[in-house]
Amino acid sequence: MKINVSNSALELSRIVQGMMRLNQWNFSVKETENFILKAIDLGVTTFDHADIYGNYTCESLFGEVLKNNPSLRSKIQIVTKTGIVLPNKEKRRIHYYDTTKSHIINSVDQSLKNLNTDFIDLLLIHRPDPLMDPMEIAEAFIELHKSGKVLYFGVSNFSIQQFKTLQSKLSIPIVTNQIELSPYNLEHFQNDNIYFLLEKNVNPMVWSPLAGGKLFDATNEKSIRILTALKEVAQELNIDKLDTIVYSWLLSHPLKVLPISGSGKIERLKNAIEALDLQMPRELWFKIYKAGLGHDVP
């Protein structure tokens, strides 16, 4: 299943495959290609990157596949991010943010080289930058758009005001905000970001939909509470995969979020895909929501 994100012409798969840990999967180039092909066969055509993933290695590992099989590029959408700078021994001593025009443009040029592609479907500002100059970011976006190097733009981890401030300087729309959301992390319900995105018809991408494994790691009261609710819902729906229940919970929201599966196991991606056909009754949705809250709704 695909979706035109935020009423734009950008079409992404409803489930996104995250490539943050590609360097940890120990795949050969051929194994990475086979993984991508299997994902495409499942209908997952959107792949989420960032320049810094794998300490600046994951884009290049993915790009080796496109170098060997250029025909794949027309079948997929590439999302990548910029704005975070990691330290290295030669130039940078600390971890910081850089959303200057020069950094954004240079980062995109490097990503294009790494990924062996002529364009990026969707570029995100990875984190809000305290020194962010919205006009400078807007200038970079417009230049990249006019050159054809980037087709669409978005943000990641932005608050309502940060999103509005950047959009106010842009003549092209910000088509997504990639946010953390799961039954364990309900922050964006509580800070009204969900309702703002609904108002603006912006479909967010969702990172860490399984809360980095916390949902299934019964080491604290909150995890145990949510895990119990997930098991009860799974039993009622006759589903034996708890991650499918979590994805269904996310996909059931009218905001039409795009969850990112970060696993290198194709079986885990299949579990996410199965959620697309699972209808979760409102009562069961609230069972999970209340478990995350830790109390009844008013």
C-alpha atoms as a PDB file:
ATOM      1  CA  MET A   1       0.000   0.000   0.000  1.00  0.00           C
ATOM      2  CA  LYS A   2       1.281   3.461  -0.898  1.00  0.00           C
ATOM      3  CA  ILE A   3       0.211   6.910   0.154  1.00  0.00           C
ATOM      4  CA  ASN A   4       0.562  10.372  -1.339  1.00  0.00           C
ATOM      5  CA  VAL A   5       2.220  12.075   1.596  1.00  0.00           C
ATOM      6  CA  SER A   6       0.536  15.210   2.871  1.00  0.00           C
ATOM      7  CA  ASN A   7      -1.586  15.623  -0.261  1.00  0.00           C
ATOM      8  CA  SER A   8       1.570  16.033  -2.359  1.00  0.00           C
ATOM      9  CA  ALA A   9       2.664  14.104  -5.439  1.00  0.00           C
ATOM     10  CA  LEU A  10       5.250  12.284  -3.315  1.00  0.00           C
ATOM     11  CA  GLU A  11       4.191   8.648  -3.075  1.00  0.00           C
ATOM     12  CA  LEU A  12       5.761   6.562  -0.302  1.00  0.00           C
ATOM     13  CA  SER A  13       5.040   3.047   0.873  1.00  0.00           C
ATOM     14  CA  ARG A  14       2.889   2.990   4.009  1.00  0.00           C
ATOM     15  CA  ILE A  15       5.530   0.906   5.772  1.00  0.00           C
ATOM     16  CA  VAL A  16       9.058   2.297   5.461  1.00  0.00           C
ATOM     17  CA  GLN A  17      12.242   0.267   5.779  1.00  0.00           C
ATOM     18  CA  GLY A  18      14.811   1.942   8.010  1.00  0.00           C
ATOM     19  CA  MET A  19      18.487   1.540   7.144  1.00  0.00           C
ATOM     20  CA  MET A  20      20.046   2.999  10.312  1.00  0.00           C
ATOM     21  CA  ARG A  21      21.661  -0.307  11.308  1.00  0.00           C
ATOM     22  CA  LEU A  22      22.601  -1.552   7.839  1.00  0.00           C
ATOM     23  CA  ASN A  23      26.292  -1.561   8.812  1.00  0.00           C
ATOM     24  CA  GLN A  24      25.469  -3.892  11.727  1.00  0.00           C
ATOM     25  CA  TRP A  25      23.656  -6.497   9.638  1.00  0.00           C
ATOM     26  CA  ASN A  26      26.934  -7.745   8.143  1.00  0.00           C
ATOM     27  CA  PHE A  27      25.321  -8.179   4.730  1.00  0.00           C
ATOM     28  CA  SER A  28      27.326  -8.577   1.574  1.00  0.00           C
ATOM     29  CA  VAL A  29      26.359  -6.294  -1.317  1.00  0.00           C
ATOM     30  CA  LYS A  30      24.374  -9.177  -2.816  1.00  0.00           C
ATOM     31  CA  GLU A  31      22.620  -9.890   0.478  1.00  0.00           C
ATOM     32  CA  THR A  32      21.673  -6.222   0.798  1.00  0.00           C
ATOM     33  CA  GLU A  33      20.316  -6.289  -2.753  1.00  0.00           C
ATOM     34  CA  ASN A  34      18.284  -9.412  -1.996  1.00  0.00           C
ATOM     35  CA  PHE A  35      16.876  -7.762   1.129  1.00  0.00           C
ATOM     36  CA  ILE A  36      15.840  -4.692  -0.874  1.00  0.00           C
ATOM     37  CA  LEU A  37      14.253  -6.855  -3.574  1.00  0.00           C
ATOM     38  CA  LYS A  38      12.285  -8.841  -0.993  1.00  0.00           C
ATOM     39  CA  ALA A  39      11.085  -5.595   0.594  1.00  0.00           C
ATOM     40  CA  ILE A  40       9.945  -4.298  -2.801  1.00  0.00           C
ATOM     41  CA  ASP A  41       8.091  -7.566  -3.437  1.00  0.00           C
ATOM     42  CA  LEU A  42       6.240  -6.967  -0.153  1.00  0.00           C
ATOM     43  CA  GLY A  43       5.264  -3.472  -1.295  1.00  0.00           C
ATOM     44  CA  VAL A  44       7.853  -1.673   0.838  1.00  0.00           C
ATOM     45  CA  THR A  45       9.545   0.695  -1.601  1.00  0.00           C
ATOM     46  CA  THR A  46      10.636   3.540   0.702  1.00  0.00           C
ATOM     47  CA  PHE A  47      14.028   3.360   2.436  1.00  0.00           C
ATOM     48  CA  ASP A  48      14.964   5.701   5.275  1.00  0.00           C
ATOM     49  CA  HIS A  49      18.565   6.894   5.658  1.00  0.00           C
ATOM     50  CA  ALA A  50      20.561   9.679   7.270  1.00  0.00           C
ATOM     51  CA  ASP A  51      24.019  10.911   6.387  1.00  0.00           C
ATOM     52  CA  ILE A  52      25.318   9.960   9.848  1.00  0.00           C
ATOM     53  CA  TYR A  53      23.888   6.427  10.058  1.00  0.00           C
ATOM     54  CA  GLY A  54      26.551   3.835  10.754  1.00  0.00           C
ATOM     55  CA  ASN A  55      29.022   6.646  11.445  1.00  0.00           C
ATOM     56  CA  TYR A  56      28.576   7.863   7.873  1.00  0.00           C
ATOM     57  CA  THR A  57      28.706   4.366   6.294  1.00  0.00           C
ATOM     58  CA  CYS A  58      25.117   3.175   5.706  1.00  0.00           C
ATOM     59  CA  GLU A  59      24.372   5.363   2.688  1.00  0.00           C
ATOM     60  CA  SER A  60      27.455   4.031   0.926  1.00  0.00           C
ATOM     61  CA  LEU A  61      26.579   0.418   1.730  1.00  0.00           C
ATOM     62  CA  PHE A  62      23.155   0.988   0.190  1.00  0.00           C
ATOM     63  CA  GLY A  63      24.697   2.866  -2.718  1.00  0.00           C
ATOM     64  CA  GLU A  64      26.846  -0.142  -3.626  1.00  0.00           C
ATOM     65  CA  VAL A  65      23.640  -1.992  -4.461  1.00  0.00           C
ATOM     66  CA  LEU A  66      22.426   0.817  -6.724  1.00  0.00           C
ATOM     67  CA  LYS A  67      25.831   0.946  -8.376  1.00  0.00           C
ATOM     68  CA  ASN A  68      25.617  -2.765  -9.210  1.00  0.00           C
ATOM     69  CA  ASN A  69      21.908  -2.675 -10.096  1.00  0.00           C
ATOM     70  CA  PRO A  70      20.937   0.845 -11.281  1.00  0.00           C
ATOM     71  CA  SER A  71      17.482  -0.355 -12.388  1.00  0.00           C
ATOM     72  CA  LEU A  72      16.440  -0.574  -8.734  1.00  0.00           C
ATOM     73  CA  ARG A  73      16.452   3.216  -8.392  1.00  0.00           C
ATOM     74  CA  SER A  74      13.237   3.656 -10.381  1.00  0.00           C
ATOM     75  CA  LYS A  75      11.450   1.207  -8.070  1.00  0.00           C
ATOM     76  CA  ILE A  76      12.255   2.861  -4.744  1.00  0.00           C
ATOM     77  CA  GLN A  77      12.076   6.139  -2.851  1.00  0.00           C
ATOM     78  CA  ILE A  78      15.074   7.331  -0.860  1.00  0.00           C
ATOM     79  CA  VAL A  79      14.668   9.409   2.280  1.00  0.00           C
ATOM     80  CA  THR A  80      17.749  10.838   3.946  1.00  0.00           C
ATOM     81  CA  LYS A  81      18.559  13.441   6.573  1.00  0.00           C
ATOM     82  CA  THR A  82      21.096  16.118   7.337  1.00  0.00           C
ATOM     83  CA  GLY A  83      21.918  18.498  10.168  1.00  0.00           C
ATOM     84  CA  ILE A  84      23.685  16.315  12.749  1.00  0.00           C
ATOM     85  CA  VAL A  85      27.482  16.390  12.866  1.00  0.00           C
ATOM     86  CA  LEU A  86      29.436  13.606  14.556  1.00  0.00           C
ATOM     87  CA  PRO A  87      32.945  14.104  15.934  1.00  0.00           C
ATOM     88  CA  ASN A  88      36.041  12.775  14.211  1.00  0.00           C
ATOM     89  CA  LYS A  89      39.715  13.024  14.960  1.00  0.00           C
ATOM     90  CA  GLU A  90      40.598  15.194  11.967  1.00  0.00           C
ATOM     91  CA  LYS A  91      38.089  18.057  11.984  1.00  0.00           C
ATOM     92  CA  ARG A  92      35.330  17.928  14.569  1.00  0.00           C
ATOM     93  CA  ARG A  93      35.899  17.475  18.267  1.00  0.00           C
ATOM     94  CA  ILE A  94      32.281  17.323  19.439  1.00  0.00           C
ATOM     95  CA  HIS A  95      28.799  16.230  18.390  1.00  0.00           C
ATOM     96  CA  TYR A  96      26.688  19.206  17.289  1.00  0.00           C
ATOM     97  CA  TYR A  97      24.076  20.439  14.794  1.00  0.00           C
ATOM     98  CA  ASP A  98      24.684  22.318  11.566  1.00  0.00           C
ATOM     99  CA  THR A  99      21.758  23.550   9.463  1.00  0.00           C
ATOM    100  CA  THR A 100      23.653  26.230   7.557  1.00  0.00           C
ATOM    101  CA  LYS A 101      23.019  26.480   3.835  1.00  0.00           C
ATOM    102  CA  SER A 102      26.535  25.342   2.983  1.00  0.00           C
ATOM    103  CA  HIS A 103      26.330  22.299   5.232  1.00  0.00           C
ATOM    104  CA  ILE A 104      22.944  21.212   3.888  1.00  0.00           C
ATOM    105  CA  ILE A 105      24.038  21.520   0.257  1.00  0.00           C
ATOM    106  CA  ASN A 106      27.403  19.845   0.842  1.00  0.00           C
ATOM    107  CA  SER A 107      25.703  17.071   2.809  1.00  0.00           C
ATOM    108  CA  VAL A 108      23.247  16.430  -0.019  1.00  0.00           C
ATOM    109  CA  ASP A 109      26.050  16.323  -2.573  1.00  0.00           C
ATOM    110  CA  GLN A 110      27.849  13.751  -0.431  1.00  0.00           C
ATOM    111  CA  SER A 111      24.665  11.711   0.056  1.00  0.00           C
ATOM    112  CA  LEU A 112      24.056  11.659  -3.700  1.00  0.00           C
ATOM    113  CA  LYS A 113      27.588  10.358  -4.191  1.00  0.00           C
ATOM    114  CA  ASN A 114      27.258   7.799  -1.387  1.00  0.00           C
ATOM    115  CA  LEU A 115      23.912   6.523  -2.627  1.00  0.00           C
ATOM    116  CA  ASN A 116      24.916   6.452  -6.301  1.00  0.00           C
ATOM    117  CA  THR A 117      21.855   8.423  -7.313  1.00  0.00           C
ATOM    118  CA  ASP A 118      21.102  11.690  -9.093  1.00  0.00           C
ATOM    119  CA  PHE A 119      18.331  12.755  -6.743  1.00  0.00           C
ATOM    120  CA  ILE A 120      16.868  12.258  -3.283  1.00  0.00           C
ATOM    121  CA  ASP A 121      13.118  11.836  -3.047  1.00  0.00           C
ATOM    122  CA  LEU A 122      12.790  13.342   0.437  1.00  0.00           C
ATOM    123  CA  LEU A 123      15.336  15.263   2.509  1.00  0.00           C
ATOM    124  CA  LEU A 124      14.756  15.912   6.207  1.00  0.00           C
ATOM    125  CA  ILE A 125      16.395  18.228   8.708  1.00  0.00           C
ATOM    126  CA  HIS A 126      17.352  15.587  11.260  1.00  0.00           C
ATOM    127  CA  ARG A 127      17.014  17.581  14.483  1.00  0.00           C
ATOM    128  CA  PRO A 128      15.933  21.109  15.378  1.00  0.00           C
ATOM    129  CA  ASP A 129      19.018  23.282  15.673  1.00  0.00           C
ATOM    130  CA  PRO A 130      19.183  25.988  18.388  1.00  0.00           C
ATOM    131  CA  LEU A 131      21.172  28.099  15.911  1.00  0.00           C
ATOM    132  CA  MET A 132      18.776  27.355  13.058  1.00  0.00           C
ATOM    133  CA  ASP A 133      18.247  30.195  10.598  1.00  0.00           C
ATOM    134  CA  PRO A 134      14.966  29.381   8.824  1.00  0.00           C
ATOM    135  CA  MET A 135      15.770  31.723   5.927  1.00  0.00           C
ATOM    136  CA  GLU A 136      19.085  29.988   5.333  1.00  0.00           C
ATOM    137  CA  ILE A 137      17.466  26.534   5.376  1.00  0.00           C
ATOM    138  CA  ALA A 138      14.797  27.809   2.995  1.00  0.00           C
ATOM    139  CA  GLU A 139      17.464  29.093   0.601  1.00  0.00           C
ATOM    140  CA  ALA A 140      19.191  25.707   0.660  1.00  0.00           C
ATOM    141  CA  PHE A 141      15.919  23.855   0.064  1.00  0.00           C
ATOM    142  CA  ILE A 142      14.939  26.071  -2.861  1.00  0.00           C
ATOM    143  CA  GLU A 143      18.355  25.726  -4.465  1.00  0.00           C
ATOM    144  CA  LEU A 144      18.329  21.940  -4.081  1.00  0.00           C
ATOM    145  CA  HIS A 145      14.790  21.751  -5.422  1.00  0.00           C
ATOM    146  CA  LYS A 146      15.526  23.897  -8.477  1.00  0.00           C
ATOM    147  CA  SER A 147      18.614  21.838  -9.280  1.00  0.00           C
ATOM    148  CA  GLY A 148      16.588  18.618  -9.137  1.00  0.00           C
ATOM    149  CA  LYS A 149      18.827  17.140  -6.457  1.00  0.00           C
ATOM    150  CA  VAL A 150      15.949  16.890  -3.945  1.00  0.00           C
ATOM    151  CA  LEU A 151      12.289  16.498  -4.849  1.00  0.00           C
ATOM    152  CA  TYR A 152      10.592  17.047  -1.466  1.00  0.00           C
ATOM    153  CA  PHE A 153      11.516  18.278   1.996  1.00  0.00           C
ATOM    154  CA  GLY A 154      10.580  17.515   5.566  1.00  0.00           C
ATOM    155  CA  VAL A 155      11.791  17.701   9.139  1.00  0.00           C
ATOM    156  CA  SER A 156      12.424  15.275  11.957  1.00  0.00           C
ATOM    157  CA  ASN A 157      11.772  15.656  15.685  1.00  0.00           C
ATOM    158  CA  PHE A 158      10.379  19.187  15.239  1.00  0.00           C
ATOM    159  CA  SER A 159       7.916  20.781  17.640  1.00  0.00           C
ATOM    160  CA  ILE A 160       4.834  22.614  16.409  1.00  0.00           C
ATOM    161  CA  GLN A 161       6.511  26.010  16.595  1.00  0.00           C
ATOM    162  CA  GLN A 162       9.728  24.815  14.993  1.00  0.00           C
ATOM    163  CA  PHE A 163       7.720  23.368  12.097  1.00  0.00           C
ATOM    164  CA  LYS A 164       5.644  26.539  11.698  1.00  0.00           C
ATOM    165  CA  THR A 165       8.703  28.797  11.831  1.00  0.00           C
ATOM    166  CA  LEU A 166      10.513  26.941   9.067  1.00  0.00           C
ATOM    167  CA  GLN A 167       7.391  26.601   6.927  1.00  0.00           C
ATOM    168  CA  SER A 168       6.776  30.361   7.211  1.00  0.00           C
ATOM    169  CA  LYS A 169       9.970  31.006   5.251  1.00  0.00           C
ATOM    170  CA  LEU A 170       9.371  28.360   2.594  1.00  0.00           C
ATOM    171  CA  SER A 171       7.384  28.659  -0.617  1.00  0.00           C
ATOM    172  CA  ILE A 172       7.269  24.843  -0.895  1.00  0.00           C
ATOM    173  CA  PRO A 173       5.527  22.621   1.651  1.00  0.00           C
ATOM    174  CA  ILE A 174       7.177  20.619   4.406  1.00  0.00           C
ATOM    175  CA  VAL A 175       5.612  17.250   3.657  1.00  0.00           C
ATOM    176  CA  THR A 176       6.440  15.300   6.812  1.00  0.00           C
ATOM    177  CA  ASN A 177       7.752  15.420  10.360  1.00  0.00           C
ATOM    178  CA  GLN A 178       9.516  12.226  11.384  1.00  0.00           C
ATOM    179  CA  ILE A 179       8.656  11.720  15.038  1.00  0.00           C
ATOM    180  CA  GLU A 180       9.049   9.069  17.701  1.00  0.00           C
ATOM    181  CA  LEU A 181       5.720   7.434  18.459  1.00  0.00           C
ATOM    182  CA  SER A 182       4.692   4.155  20.077  1.00  0.00           C
ATOM    183  CA  PRO A 183       2.457   2.932  22.898  1.00  0.00           C
ATOM    184  CA  TYR A 184       5.512   3.527  25.103  1.00  0.00           C
ATOM    185  CA  ASN A 185       6.093   7.082  23.859  1.00  0.00           C
ATOM    186  CA  LEU A 186       2.935   9.192  23.681  1.00  0.00           C
ATOM    187  CA  GLU A 187       4.739  12.545  23.781  1.00  0.00           C
ATOM    188  CA  HIS A 188       3.229  13.830  20.563  1.00  0.00           C
ATOM    189  CA  PHE A 189      -0.309  13.228  21.771  1.00  0.00           C
ATOM    190  CA  GLN A 190       0.491  15.159  24.928  1.00  0.00           C
ATOM    191  CA  ASN A 191       2.241  18.127  23.271  1.00  0.00           C
ATOM    192  CA  ASP A 192      -0.531  18.455  20.627  1.00  0.00           C
ATOM    193  CA  ASN A 193       1.838  17.759  17.719  1.00  0.00           C
ATOM    194  CA  ILE A 194      -0.508  15.003  16.515  1.00  0.00           C
ATOM    195  CA  TYR A 195      -3.399  17.453  16.326  1.00  0.00           C
ATOM    196  CA  PHE A 196      -1.291  20.099  14.602  1.00  0.00           C
ATOM    197  CA  LEU A 197      -0.265  17.579  11.939  1.00  0.00           C
ATOM    198  CA  LEU A 198      -3.906  16.593  11.519  1.00  0.00           C
ATOM    199  CA  GLU A 199      -4.825  20.247  11.013  1.00  0.00           C
ATOM    200  CA  LYS A 200      -2.126  20.682   8.368  1.00  0.00           C
ATOM    201  CA  ASN A 201      -2.801  17.307   6.671  1.00  0.00           C
ATOM    202  CA  VAL A 202       0.820  16.290   7.219  1.00  0.00           C
ATOM    203  CA  ASN A 203       1.495  12.553   7.406  1.00  0.00           C
ATOM    204  CA  PRO A 204       4.351  11.925   9.843  1.00  0.00           C
ATOM    205  CA  MET A 205       6.915   9.195   9.501  1.00  0.00           C
ATOM    206  CA  VAL A 206       7.283   7.310  12.789  1.00  0.00           C
ATOM    207  CA  TRP A 207      10.627   6.159  14.111  1.00  0.00           C
ATOM    208  CA  SER A 208      11.080   3.603  16.884  1.00  0.00           C
ATOM    209  CA  PRO A 209       7.489   2.282  16.597  1.00  0.00           C
ATOM    210  CA  LEU A 210       8.453  -0.607  18.888  1.00  0.00           C
ATOM    211  CA  ALA A 211      10.177   1.769  21.348  1.00  0.00           C
ATOM    212  CA  GLY A 212      13.569   0.227  20.674  1.00  0.00           C
ATOM    213  CA  GLY A 213      12.359  -3.096  22.070  1.00  0.00           C
ATOM    214  CA  LYS A 214      11.132  -1.600  25.358  1.00  0.00           C
ATOM    215  CA  LEU A 215       7.592  -2.793  24.572  1.00  0.00           C
ATOM    216  CA  PHE A 216       8.717  -6.409  24.797  1.00  0.00           C
ATOM    217  CA  ASP A 217      11.377  -6.075  27.477  1.00  0.00           C
ATOM    218  CA  ALA A 218       9.481  -6.536  30.746  1.00  0.00           C
ATOM    219  CA  THR A 219      12.060  -4.825  32.943  1.00  0.00           C
ATOM    220  CA  ASN A 220       9.955  -2.024  34.375  1.00  0.00           C
ATOM    221  CA  GLU A 221       6.388  -1.348  35.397  1.00  0.00           C
ATOM    222  CA  LYS A 222       5.521   0.612  32.268  1.00  0.00           C
ATOM    223  CA  SER A 223       6.857  -2.068  29.919  1.00  0.00           C
ATOM    224  CA  ILE A 224       5.020  -4.803  31.797  1.00  0.00           C
ATOM    225  CA  ARG A 225       1.785  -2.800  31.737  1.00  0.00           C
ATOM    226  CA  ILE A 226       1.927  -2.233  27.972  1.00  0.00           C
ATOM    227  CA  LEU A 227       3.083  -5.773  27.237  1.00  0.00           C
ATOM    228  CA  THR A 228       0.132  -7.152  29.174  1.00  0.00           C
ATOM    229  CA  ALA A 229      -2.273  -4.999  27.171  1.00  0.00           C
ATOM    230  CA  LEU A 230      -0.667  -6.027  23.871  1.00  0.00           C
ATOM    231  CA  LYS A 231      -0.999  -9.707  24.770  1.00  0.00           C
ATOM    232  CA  GLU A 232      -4.654  -9.258  25.687  1.00  0.00           C
ATOM    233  CA  VAL A 233      -5.383  -7.457  22.418  1.00  0.00           C
ATOM    234  CA  ALA A 234      -3.444 -10.066  20.449  1.00  0.00           C
ATOM    235  CA  GLN A 235      -5.468 -12.836  22.022  1.00  0.00           C
ATOM    236  CA  GLU A 236      -8.747 -11.084  21.282  1.00  0.00           C
ATOM    237  CA  LEU A 237      -7.776 -10.511  17.649  1.00  0.00           C
ATOM    238  CA  ASN A 238      -6.273 -14.001  17.329  1.00  0.00           C
ATOM    239  CA  ILE A 239      -2.876 -12.621  16.309  1.00  0.00           C
ATOM    240  CA  ASP A 240       0.286 -14.276  17.575  1.00  0.00           C
ATOM    241  CA  LYS A 241       2.732 -11.493  16.670  1.00  0.00           C
ATOM    242  CA  LEU A 242       2.834  -8.616  19.141  1.00  0.00           C
ATOM    243  CA  ASP A 243       4.757  -6.333  16.777  1.00  0.00           C
ATOM    244  CA  THR A 244       1.883  -6.673  14.289  1.00  0.00           C
ATOM    245  CA  ILE A 245      -0.463  -5.454  17.026  1.00  0.00           C
ATOM    246  CA  VAL A 246       1.748  -2.401  17.642  1.00  0.00           C
ATOM    247  CA  TYR A 247       1.909  -1.529  13.949  1.00  0.00           C
ATOM    248  CA  SER A 248      -1.866  -1.935  13.681  1.00  0.00           C
ATOM    249  CA  TRP A 249      -2.287   0.428  16.638  1.00  0.00           C
ATOM    250  CA  LEU A 250      -0.220   3.050  14.822  1.00  0.00           C
ATOM    251  CA  LEU A 251      -1.802   2.503  11.419  1.00  0.00           C
ATOM    252  CA  SER A 252      -5.308   2.753  12.874  1.00  0.00           C
ATOM    253  CA  HIS A 253      -4.862   6.432  13.657  1.00  0.00           C
ATOM    254  CA  PRO A 254      -6.600   8.817  11.190  1.00  0.00           C
ATOM    255  CA  LEU A 255      -3.341  10.759  10.810  1.00  0.00           C
ATOM    256  CA  LYS A 256      -2.147   7.961   8.473  1.00  0.00           C
ATOM    257  CA  VAL A 257       1.343   7.666   9.874  1.00  0.00           C
ATOM    258  CA  LEU A 258       4.177   5.888   8.062  1.00  0.00           C
ATOM    259  CA  PRO A 259       5.924   3.581  10.549  1.00  0.00           C
ATOM    260  CA  ILE A 260       9.600   2.766   9.994  1.00  0.00           C
ATOM    261  CA  SER A 261      10.684  -0.833  10.506  1.00  0.00           C
ATOM    262  CA  GLY A 262      14.343  -0.858  11.461  1.00  0.00           C
ATOM    263  CA  SER A 263      15.031  -4.590  11.460  1.00  0.00           C
ATOM    264  CA  GLY A 264      17.255  -6.381   8.965  1.00  0.00           C
ATOM    265  CA  LYS A 265      15.064  -9.466   9.189  1.00  0.00           C
ATOM    266  CA  ILE A 266      12.526  -9.780   6.406  1.00  0.00           C
ATOM    267  CA  GLU A 267      10.180 -11.676   8.760  1.00  0.00           C
ATOM    268  CA  ARG A 268       9.897  -8.576  10.943  1.00  0.00           C
ATOM    269  CA  LEU A 269       9.019  -6.503   7.898  1.00  0.00           C
ATOM    270  CA  LYS A 270       6.328  -9.043   7.001  1.00  0.00           C
ATOM    271  CA  ASN A 271       4.852  -8.648  10.494  1.00  0.00           C
ATOM    272  CA  ALA A 272       4.557  -4.905   9.893  1.00  0.00           C
ATOM    273  CA  ILE A 273       2.931  -5.487   6.495  1.00  0.00           C
ATOM    274  CA  GLU A 274       0.337  -7.813   8.042  1.00  0.00           C
ATOM    275  CA  ALA A 275      -0.869  -4.915  10.183  1.00  0.00           C
ATOM    276  CA  LEU A 276      -2.117  -3.121   7.072  1.00  0.00           C
ATOM    277  CA  ASP A 277      -4.988  -5.602   6.823  1.00  0.00           C
ATOM    278  CA  LEU A 278      -5.761  -5.739  10.536  1.00  0.00           C
ATOM    279  CA  GLN A 279      -8.695  -3.693  11.768  1.00  0.00           C
ATOM    280  CA  MET A 280      -8.294  -2.672  15.410  1.00  0.00           C
ATOM    281  CA  PRO A 281     -11.555  -1.808  17.207  1.00  0.00           C
ATOM    282  CA  ARG A 282     -11.536   1.521  19.048  1.00  0.00           C
ATOM    283  CA  GLU A 283     -11.996  -0.201  22.403  1.00  0.00           C
ATOM    284  CA  LEU A 284      -8.822  -2.260  21.925  1.00  0.00           C
ATOM    285  CA  TRP A 285      -6.922   0.781  20.655  1.00  0.00           C
ATOM    286  CA  PHE A 286      -7.758   2.545  23.899  1.00  0.00           C
ATOM    287  CA  LYS A 287      -6.707  -0.468  25.961  1.00  0.00           C
ATOM    288  CA  ILE A 288      -3.190  -0.054  24.584  1.00  0.00           C
ATOM    289  CA  TYR A 289      -3.284   3.739  24.806  1.00  0.00           C
ATOM    290  CA  LYS A 290      -4.307   3.645  28.456  1.00  0.00           C
ATOM    291  CA  ALA A 291      -1.575   1.139  29.229  1.00  0.00           C
ATOM    292  CA  GLY A 292       0.910   3.639  27.825  1.00  0.00           C
ATOM    293  CA  LEU A 293      -0.600   6.478  29.805  1.00  0.00           C
ATOM    294  CA  GLY A 294      -0.587   4.465  33.014  1.00  0.00           C
ATOM    295  CA  HIS A 295      -4.083   5.601  33.957  1.00  0.00           C
ATOM    296  CA  ASP A 296      -7.636   5.711  32.691  1.00  0.00           C
ATOM    297  CA  VAL A 297      -8.734   8.475  30.368  1.00  0.00           C
ATOM    298  CA  PRO A 298     -10.751  11.208  32.129  1.00  0.00           C
END
